Amino acid sequence: MHKDLLRLMRAERPVRRHLTVTLVAAVLAGLLVLVQAELLAGVLSGRFATAALGVLAGVVALRALLAWTQGVFAGRTATGVKSALRERLLAKLGDLGPAGMRSGELVTLVGRGLDRLDAYLTGYLPAVAIAAVVPLAVLVRLFAADLTSAVIVLVTVPLIPVFGALVGLTTKAVTERQFKALSRLGGHFLDVVRGLPTLRAFGRARYQAQVIAQVADAHRSATMRTLRVAFLSSLVLELCASLSLALVAVPIGLRLLGGSLDLRTGLLVLLLAPEAYLPLRVMGTRFHASMEGVAAADAAFAVLEAESPARTPSAGTPVSAGVAAAPEIRLETVTV
């Protein structure tokens, strides 16, 4: 997780409160999957009466309520973080002065760049909390229900984060290049628009149109590379999870046919096994979706950590004690 963003969220009390509610709601909704699977397996196997369907409907409704709560407070968390980060950026840019960065790149960073943090704050962080708790709870219940299936899940579950981490290293580098290409495109386009009268006066407008086309093509290529890596990573995670589930489901079917496993336990294992892999798959998918926002956060904190230039008063300019001197503009031997 992004350490600078977490430090910012801890410093902002409303953001910290909203984030806590978001994570708690996400984890509780994930844990209710175990209750839902128990009830559904009991009803389908005939162990529970059909009256248990009402309890099952209540559990589903409670999960929906928790999901709604998570979405609302996650949105408030994202809004608070982006507002705090933009305020700090604008204050820092006032210290750095106009020569610190290109104005177009700043507009892209403060605007669209920070807006990409929504995927990280509303999607990835709750997914991390769920992935840290729910698979462990599912494994504990599987060990209590069926040792053989639990061992298979225990061996295959770590493959998903391992493959996700291997692909994520490539995704991070590709996404950073894509965000840099977007920043260059936004910065150059804004500079050209501002200087368009001058460019037309000197007959350089057509050349700049060609430059913008080249920069836009570079951004298109970087975006397509990012999408290609993201789709391939999703394919790897889905394939790994599907093969792992097959290793669990096939022995369950054979044991049910042989009579060595009762129906309720088999249904419970088949319902719970996917829930051990799903949080990890969702975390990997949302990680890739949030990488552009992480790249924007890295750029924002790089600006915040930049050293402000020292301002020294010009010679011959009186400076009152405790009052910063304004910069002096001096023209010598100028004729019109």
Protein backbone atom coordinates (compact mmCIF):
# COMPACT_ATOMS: atom_id res chain seq x y z
CA MET A 1 0.00 0.00 0.00
CA HIS A 2 1.06 3.60 -0.59
CA LYS A 3 2.79 4.78 2.59
CA ASP A 4 2.48 8.50 1.83
CA LEU A 5 -1.25 8.20 1.19
CA LEU A 6 -1.76 6.23 4.38
CA ARG A 7 0.15 8.86 6.32
CA LEU A 8 -2.04 11.55 4.79
CA MET A 9 -5.21 9.65 5.71
CA ARG A 10 -4.04 9.21 9.29
CA ALA A 11 -3.37 12.95 9.54
CA GLU A 12 -6.90 13.86 8.38
CA ARG A 13 -9.39 12.85 11.11
CA PRO A 14 -12.57 12.80 8.96
CA VAL A 15 -10.79 10.77 6.31
CA ARG A 16 -9.51 8.33 8.91
CA ARG A 17 -13.02 7.87 10.31
CA HIS A 18 -14.56 7.28 6.88
CA LEU A 19 -11.82 4.83 5.95
CA THR A 20 -12.38 2.84 9.14
CA VAL A 21 -16.10 2.50 8.43
CA THR A 22 -15.32 1.49 4.84
CA LEU A 23 -12.92 -1.28 5.83
CA VAL A 24 -15.13 -2.60 8.64
CA ALA A 25 -18.17 -2.76 6.34
CA ALA A 26 -16.13 -4.52 3.64
CA VAL A 27 -14.77 -7.15 6.04
CA LEU A 28 -18.17 -7.82 7.65
CA ALA A 29 -19.79 -8.23 4.23
CA GLY A 30 -17.06 -10.70 3.30
CA LEU A 31 -17.43 -12.72 6.50
CA LEU A 32 -21.19 -13.01 6.00
CA VAL A 33 -20.37 -15.23 3.02
CA LEU A 34 -19.63 -18.02 5.49
CA VAL A 35 -23.06 -17.67 7.11
CA GLN A 36 -24.70 -17.54 3.70
CA ALA A 37 -22.91 -20.70 2.56
CA GLU A 38 -23.85 -22.57 5.77
CA LEU A 39 -27.53 -21.70 5.39
CA LEU A 40 -27.65 -22.47 1.67
CA ALA A 41 -25.88 -25.81 2.06
CA GLY A 42 -28.21 -26.75 4.93
CA VAL A 43 -31.35 -25.87 2.97
CA LEU A 44 -30.25 -27.65 -0.22
CA SER A 45 -29.25 -30.79 1.67
CA GLY A 46 -32.48 -30.86 3.67
CA ARG A 47 -30.83 -30.40 7.05
CA PHE A 48 -32.47 -27.00 7.56
CA ALA A 49 -36.17 -26.37 7.06
CA THR A 50 -37.35 -24.10 4.29
CA ALA A 51 -37.97 -21.47 6.95
CA ALA A 52 -34.22 -20.93 6.93
CA LEU A 53 -34.68 -19.28 3.54
CA GLY A 54 -36.01 -16.22 5.37
CA VAL A 55 -32.82 -16.05 7.43
CA LEU A 56 -30.82 -16.49 4.23
CA ALA A 57 -32.69 -13.61 2.63
CA GLY A 58 -31.93 -11.49 5.69
CA VAL A 59 -28.22 -12.29 5.39
CA VAL A 60 -28.26 -11.33 1.71
CA ALA A 61 -30.04 -8.06 2.55
CA LEU A 62 -27.51 -7.33 5.29
CA ARG A 63 -24.65 -7.91 2.86
CA ALA A 64 -26.29 -5.51 0.42
CA LEU A 65 -26.63 -2.89 3.17
CA LEU A 66 -22.97 -3.30 4.14
CA ALA A 67 -21.93 -3.03 0.49
CA TRP A 68 -23.93 0.21 0.18
CA THR A 69 -22.33 1.56 3.37
CA GLN A 70 -18.90 0.64 2.07
CA GLY A 71 -19.53 2.45 -1.21
CA VAL A 72 -20.82 5.62 0.46
CA PHE A 73 -17.99 5.95 2.97
CA ALA A 74 -15.38 4.92 0.41
CA GLY A 75 -16.55 7.79 -1.79
CA ARG A 76 -16.27 10.19 1.15
CA THR A 77 -12.77 8.87 1.87
CA ALA A 78 -11.69 9.46 -1.72
CA THR A 79 -13.17 12.97 -1.74
CA GLY A 80 -11.42 13.90 1.50
CA VAL A 81 -8.05 12.54 0.40
CA LYS A 82 -8.17 14.29 -2.97
CA SER A 83 -9.23 17.59 -1.39
CA ALA A 84 -6.45 17.45 1.21
CA LEU A 85 -3.87 16.50 -1.40
CA ARG A 86 -4.96 19.27 -3.76
CA GLU A 87 -4.80 21.85 -0.96
CA ARG A 88 -1.29 20.78 -0.07
CA LEU A 89 -0.23 20.77 -3.71
CA LEU A 90 -1.54 24.28 -4.34
CA ALA A 91 0.15 25.58 -1.21
CA LYS A 92 3.42 23.93 -2.23
CA LEU A 93 3.20 25.27 -5.77
CA GLY A 94 2.83 28.76 -4.31
CA ASP A 95 6.19 28.25 -2.61
CA LEU A 96 7.88 26.70 -5.64
CA GLY A 97 6.81 29.47 -7.99
CA PRO A 98 5.89 29.28 -11.67
CA ALA A 99 9.23 27.77 -12.72
CA GLY A 100 8.78 24.59 -10.69
CA MET A 101 6.80 22.56 -13.26
CA ARG A 102 5.10 23.02 -16.60
CA SER A 103 1.60 24.36 -16.12
CA GLY A 104 0.05 21.74 -18.39
CA GLU A 105 1.57 18.89 -16.42
CA LEU A 106 0.32 20.48 -13.20
CA VAL A 107 -3.21 20.77 -14.57
CA THR A 108 -3.15 17.10 -15.57
CA LEU A 109 -1.76 16.05 -12.19
CA VAL A 110 -4.11 18.10 -10.01
CA GLY A 111 -7.13 17.35 -12.18
CA ARG A 112 -7.39 14.02 -13.95
CA GLY A 113 -4.36 12.50 -12.24
CA LEU A 114 -5.70 12.78 -8.69
CA ASP A 115 -9.18 11.77 -9.85
CA ARG A 116 -7.64 8.39 -10.71
CA LEU A 117 -7.11 7.84 -6.98
CA ASP A 118 -10.78 6.82 -6.76
CA ALA A 119 -9.92 3.32 -7.98
CA TYR A 120 -7.25 2.98 -5.29
CA LEU A 121 -9.24 4.40 -2.38
CA THR A 122 -12.68 2.97 -3.15
CA GLY A 123 -11.62 -0.33 -4.71
CA TYR A 124 -8.13 -1.50 -3.85
CA LEU A 125 -7.99 -0.64 -0.13
CA PRO A 126 -11.28 -2.44 0.74
CA ALA A 127 -10.16 -5.38 -1.40
CA VAL A 128 -6.92 -5.62 0.58
CA ALA A 129 -8.85 -5.70 3.86
CA ILE A 130 -11.16 -8.43 2.57
CA ALA A 131 -8.27 -10.47 1.15
CA ALA A 132 -6.47 -10.31 4.50
CA VAL A 133 -9.41 -11.72 6.51
CA VAL A 134 -11.91 -13.70 4.43
CA PRO A 135 -9.59 -16.38 2.91
CA LEU A 136 -8.25 -17.21 6.37
CA ALA A 137 -11.78 -17.52 7.78
CA VAL A 138 -12.81 -19.73 4.86
CA LEU A 139 -9.77 -21.96 5.38
CA VAL A 140 -10.58 -22.38 9.06
CA ARG A 141 -14.15 -23.45 8.22
CA LEU A 142 -12.93 -25.80 5.48
CA PHE A 143 -10.51 -27.49 7.87
CA ALA A 144 -13.41 -28.08 10.24
CA ALA A 145 -15.63 -29.44 7.45
CA ASP A 146 -13.30 -31.46 5.18
CA LEU A 147 -9.55 -31.83 5.71
CA THR A 148 -8.73 -33.02 2.17
CA SER A 149 -10.38 -30.06 0.45
CA ALA A 150 -8.89 -27.64 2.97
CA VAL A 151 -5.36 -28.89 2.23
CA ILE A 152 -5.90 -28.45 -1.52
CA VAL A 153 -7.14 -24.89 -1.00
CA LEU A 154 -4.28 -24.14 1.39
CA VAL A 155 -1.71 -25.24 -1.19
CA THR A 156 -3.28 -23.48 -4.19
CA VAL A 157 -4.39 -20.17 -2.64
CA PRO A 158 -0.84 -18.70 -2.40
CA LEU A 159 -0.38 -19.15 -6.16
CA ILE A 160 -2.75 -16.25 -6.91
CA PRO A 161 -0.86 -13.52 -4.99
CA VAL A 162 2.47 -14.92 -6.23
CA PHE A 163 1.46 -14.69 -9.89
CA GLY A 164 -0.26 -11.37 -9.21
CA ALA A 165 2.93 -9.93 -7.72
CA LEU A 166 5.04 -11.14 -10.64
CA VAL A 167 2.70 -9.53 -13.17
CA GLY A 168 2.26 -6.44 -10.98
CA LEU A 169 5.94 -5.54 -11.24
CA THR A 170 5.57 -5.18 -15.00
CA THR A 171 2.22 -3.43 -14.68
CA LYS A 172 3.63 -0.75 -12.37
CA ALA A 173 6.40 0.21 -14.79
CA VAL A 174 4.03 0.24 -17.79
CA THR A 175 1.45 2.35 -15.95
CA GLU A 176 4.05 4.89 -14.85
CA ARG A 177 5.15 5.30 -18.47
CA GLN A 178 1.52 5.72 -19.51
CA PHE A 179 0.90 8.43 -16.92
CA LYS A 180 4.08 10.26 -17.96
CA ALA A 181 2.91 10.16 -21.57
CA LEU A 182 -0.47 11.56 -20.49
CA SER A 183 1.26 14.35 -18.53
CA ARG A 184 3.43 15.25 -21.52
CA LEU A 185 0.38 15.32 -23.78
CA GLY A 186 -1.61 17.53 -21.41
CA GLY A 187 1.32 19.85 -20.75
CA HIS A 188 2.25 20.28 -24.38
CA PHE A 189 -1.34 20.78 -25.51
CA LEU A 190 -1.98 23.48 -22.90
CA ASP A 191 1.26 25.25 -23.78
CA VAL A 192 0.35 25.20 -27.48
CA VAL A 193 -3.15 26.56 -26.81
CA ARG A 194 -1.73 29.40 -24.74
CA GLY A 195 0.85 30.28 -27.36
CA LEU A 196 -1.38 29.75 -30.39
CA PRO A 197 -1.52 33.45 -31.42
CA THR A 198 2.28 33.63 -31.38
CA LEU A 199 2.61 30.35 -33.28
CA ARG A 200 0.20 31.56 -35.96
CA ALA A 201 2.04 34.86 -36.22
CA PHE A 202 5.31 33.05 -36.93
CA GLY A 203 3.77 30.31 -39.07
CA ARG A 204 4.56 27.44 -36.67
CA ALA A 205 1.01 26.27 -35.95
CA ARG A 206 1.12 23.35 -38.40
CA TYR A 207 4.37 22.07 -36.95
CA GLN A 208 2.94 22.08 -33.43
CA ALA A 209 -0.10 20.19 -34.70
CA GLN A 210 2.28 17.47 -35.91
CA VAL A 211 4.04 17.45 -32.53
CA ILE A 212 0.72 17.06 -30.71
CA ALA A 213 -0.18 14.19 -33.03
CA GLN A 214 3.12 12.47 -32.20
CA VAL A 215 2.65 12.93 -28.46
CA ALA A 216 -0.95 11.69 -28.69
CA ASP A 217 0.21 8.62 -30.61
CA ALA A 218 2.80 7.91 -27.90
CA HIS A 219 0.05 8.17 -25.27
CA ARG A 220 -2.16 5.83 -27.29
CA SER A 221 0.62 3.25 -27.55
CA ALA A 222 1.35 3.48 -23.82
CA THR A 223 -2.35 3.08 -23.00
CA MET A 224 -2.66 0.01 -25.21
CA ARG A 225 0.40 -1.55 -23.59
CA THR A 226 -1.13 -0.94 -20.17
CA LEU A 227 -4.43 -2.53 -21.20
CA ARG A 228 -2.64 -5.49 -22.74
CA VAL A 229 -0.71 -6.19 -19.54
CA ALA A 230 -3.86 -5.72 -17.42
CA PHE A 231 -5.87 -8.18 -19.53
CA LEU A 232 -3.06 -10.73 -19.52
CA SER A 233 -2.71 -10.46 -15.75
CA SER A 234 -6.46 -10.97 -15.32
CA LEU A 235 -6.23 -14.03 -17.57
CA VAL A 236 -3.41 -15.47 -15.44
CA LEU A 237 -5.33 -14.95 -12.20
CA GLU A 238 -8.58 -16.36 -13.58
CA LEU A 239 -6.82 -19.40 -15.05
CA CYS A 240 -5.01 -20.10 -11.78
CA ALA A 241 -8.23 -19.79 -9.76
CA SER A 242 -10.20 -21.98 -12.20
CA LEU A 243 -7.62 -24.77 -12.11
CA SER A 244 -7.49 -24.59 -8.32
CA LEU A 245 -11.27 -24.86 -8.06
CA ALA A 246 -11.21 -27.84 -10.42
CA LEU A 247 -8.75 -29.58 -8.10
CA VAL A 248 -11.28 -29.11 -5.30
CA ALA A 249 -14.49 -29.86 -7.20
CA VAL A 250 -13.46 -33.07 -8.99
CA PRO A 251 -12.52 -35.00 -5.81
CA ILE A 252 -15.71 -33.73 -4.14
CA GLY A 253 -17.81 -35.20 -6.96
CA LEU A 254 -15.99 -38.52 -6.89
CA ARG A 255 -16.32 -38.80 -3.12
CA LEU A 256 -20.03 -37.98 -3.29
CA LEU A 257 -20.50 -40.75 -5.85
CA GLY A 258 -18.52 -43.16 -3.70
CA GLY A 259 -20.53 -42.32 -0.61
CA SER A 260 -17.53 -41.25 1.48
CA LEU A 261 -18.79 -37.66 1.77
CA ASP A 262 -22.23 -36.43 2.79
CA LEU A 263 -24.17 -34.00 0.63
CA ARG A 264 -24.21 -31.09 3.07
CA THR A 265 -20.42 -31.11 3.52
CA GLY A 266 -19.87 -31.39 -0.22
CA LEU A 267 -22.18 -28.46 -0.91
CA LEU A 268 -20.54 -26.40 1.83
CA VAL A 269 -17.06 -27.01 0.40
CA LEU A 270 -18.19 -26.20 -3.14
CA LEU A 271 -19.81 -22.97 -1.95
CA LEU A 272 -16.90 -21.85 0.24
CA ALA A 273 -13.93 -22.82 -1.93
CA PRO A 274 -14.50 -20.06 -4.53
CA GLU A 275 -14.73 -17.51 -1.71
CA ALA A 276 -11.15 -18.35 -0.71
CA TYR A 277 -9.88 -17.33 -4.16
CA LEU A 278 -12.30 -14.53 -5.04
CA PRO A 279 -10.92 -11.82 -2.67
CA LEU A 280 -7.39 -12.39 -3.97
CA ARG A 281 -8.53 -12.21 -7.59
CA VAL A 282 -10.50 -9.04 -6.92
CA MET A 283 -7.52 -7.51 -5.14
CA GLY A 284 -5.28 -8.26 -8.13
CA THR A 285 -7.77 -6.82 -10.61
CA ARG A 286 -8.31 -3.64 -8.60
CA PHE A 287 -4.58 -3.28 -8.09
CA HIS A 288 -4.09 -3.00 -11.84
CA ALA A 289 -7.05 -0.62 -12.13
CA SER A 290 -5.56 1.66 -9.46
CA MET A 291 -2.01 1.86 -10.80
CA GLU A 292 -2.59 5.10 -12.71
CA GLY A 293 -3.84 6.73 -9.51
CA VAL A 294 -0.80 5.43 -7.63
CA ALA A 295 1.47 6.92 -10.30
CA ALA A 296 -0.34 10.25 -9.91
CA ALA A 297 0.07 10.05 -6.13
CA ASP A 298 3.80 9.40 -6.55
CA ALA A 299 4.08 12.48 -8.75
CA ALA A 300 2.05 14.57 -6.29
CA PHE A 301 4.18 13.60 -3.30
CA ALA A 302 7.33 14.19 -5.34
CA VAL A 303 6.14 17.78 -5.79
CA LEU A 304 5.30 18.08 -2.09
CA GLU A 305 8.74 16.83 -1.10
CA ALA A 306 10.59 19.16 -3.49
CA GLU A 307 12.72 21.81 -1.83
CA SER A 308 11.46 25.36 -2.14
CA PRO A 309 13.97 27.71 -3.83
CA ALA A 310 15.74 30.16 -1.54
CA ARG A 311 14.68 33.73 -2.22
CA THR A 312 17.37 36.33 -1.65
CA PRO A 313 16.70 40.07 -1.96
CA SER A 314 18.36 41.93 -4.81
CA ALA A 315 21.24 44.29 -4.06
CA GLY A 316 20.11 47.85 -3.34
CA THR A 317 16.62 46.81 -2.30
CA PRO A 318 15.83 47.68 1.31
CA VAL A 319 14.21 44.88 3.27
CA SER A 320 12.25 45.56 6.41
CA ALA A 321 12.79 43.23 9.34
CA GLY A 322 10.44 40.23 9.22
CA VAL A 323 9.01 41.20 5.79
CA ALA A 324 9.90 39.20 2.68
CA ALA A 325 11.21 41.31 -0.18
CA ALA A 326 9.44 41.28 -3.52
CA PRO A 327 11.56 40.34 -6.55
CA GLU A 328 13.03 43.32 -8.41
CA ILE A 329 12.75 43.78 -12.16
CA ARG A 330 15.45 46.08 -13.56
CA LEU A 331 15.81 47.21 -17.17
CA GLU A 332 19.11 48.75 -18.32
CA THR A 333 20.03 50.35 -21.66
CA VAL A 334 16.62 49.59 -23.13
CA THR A 335 15.43 51.49 -26.20
CA VAL A 336 12.14 51.41 -28.05
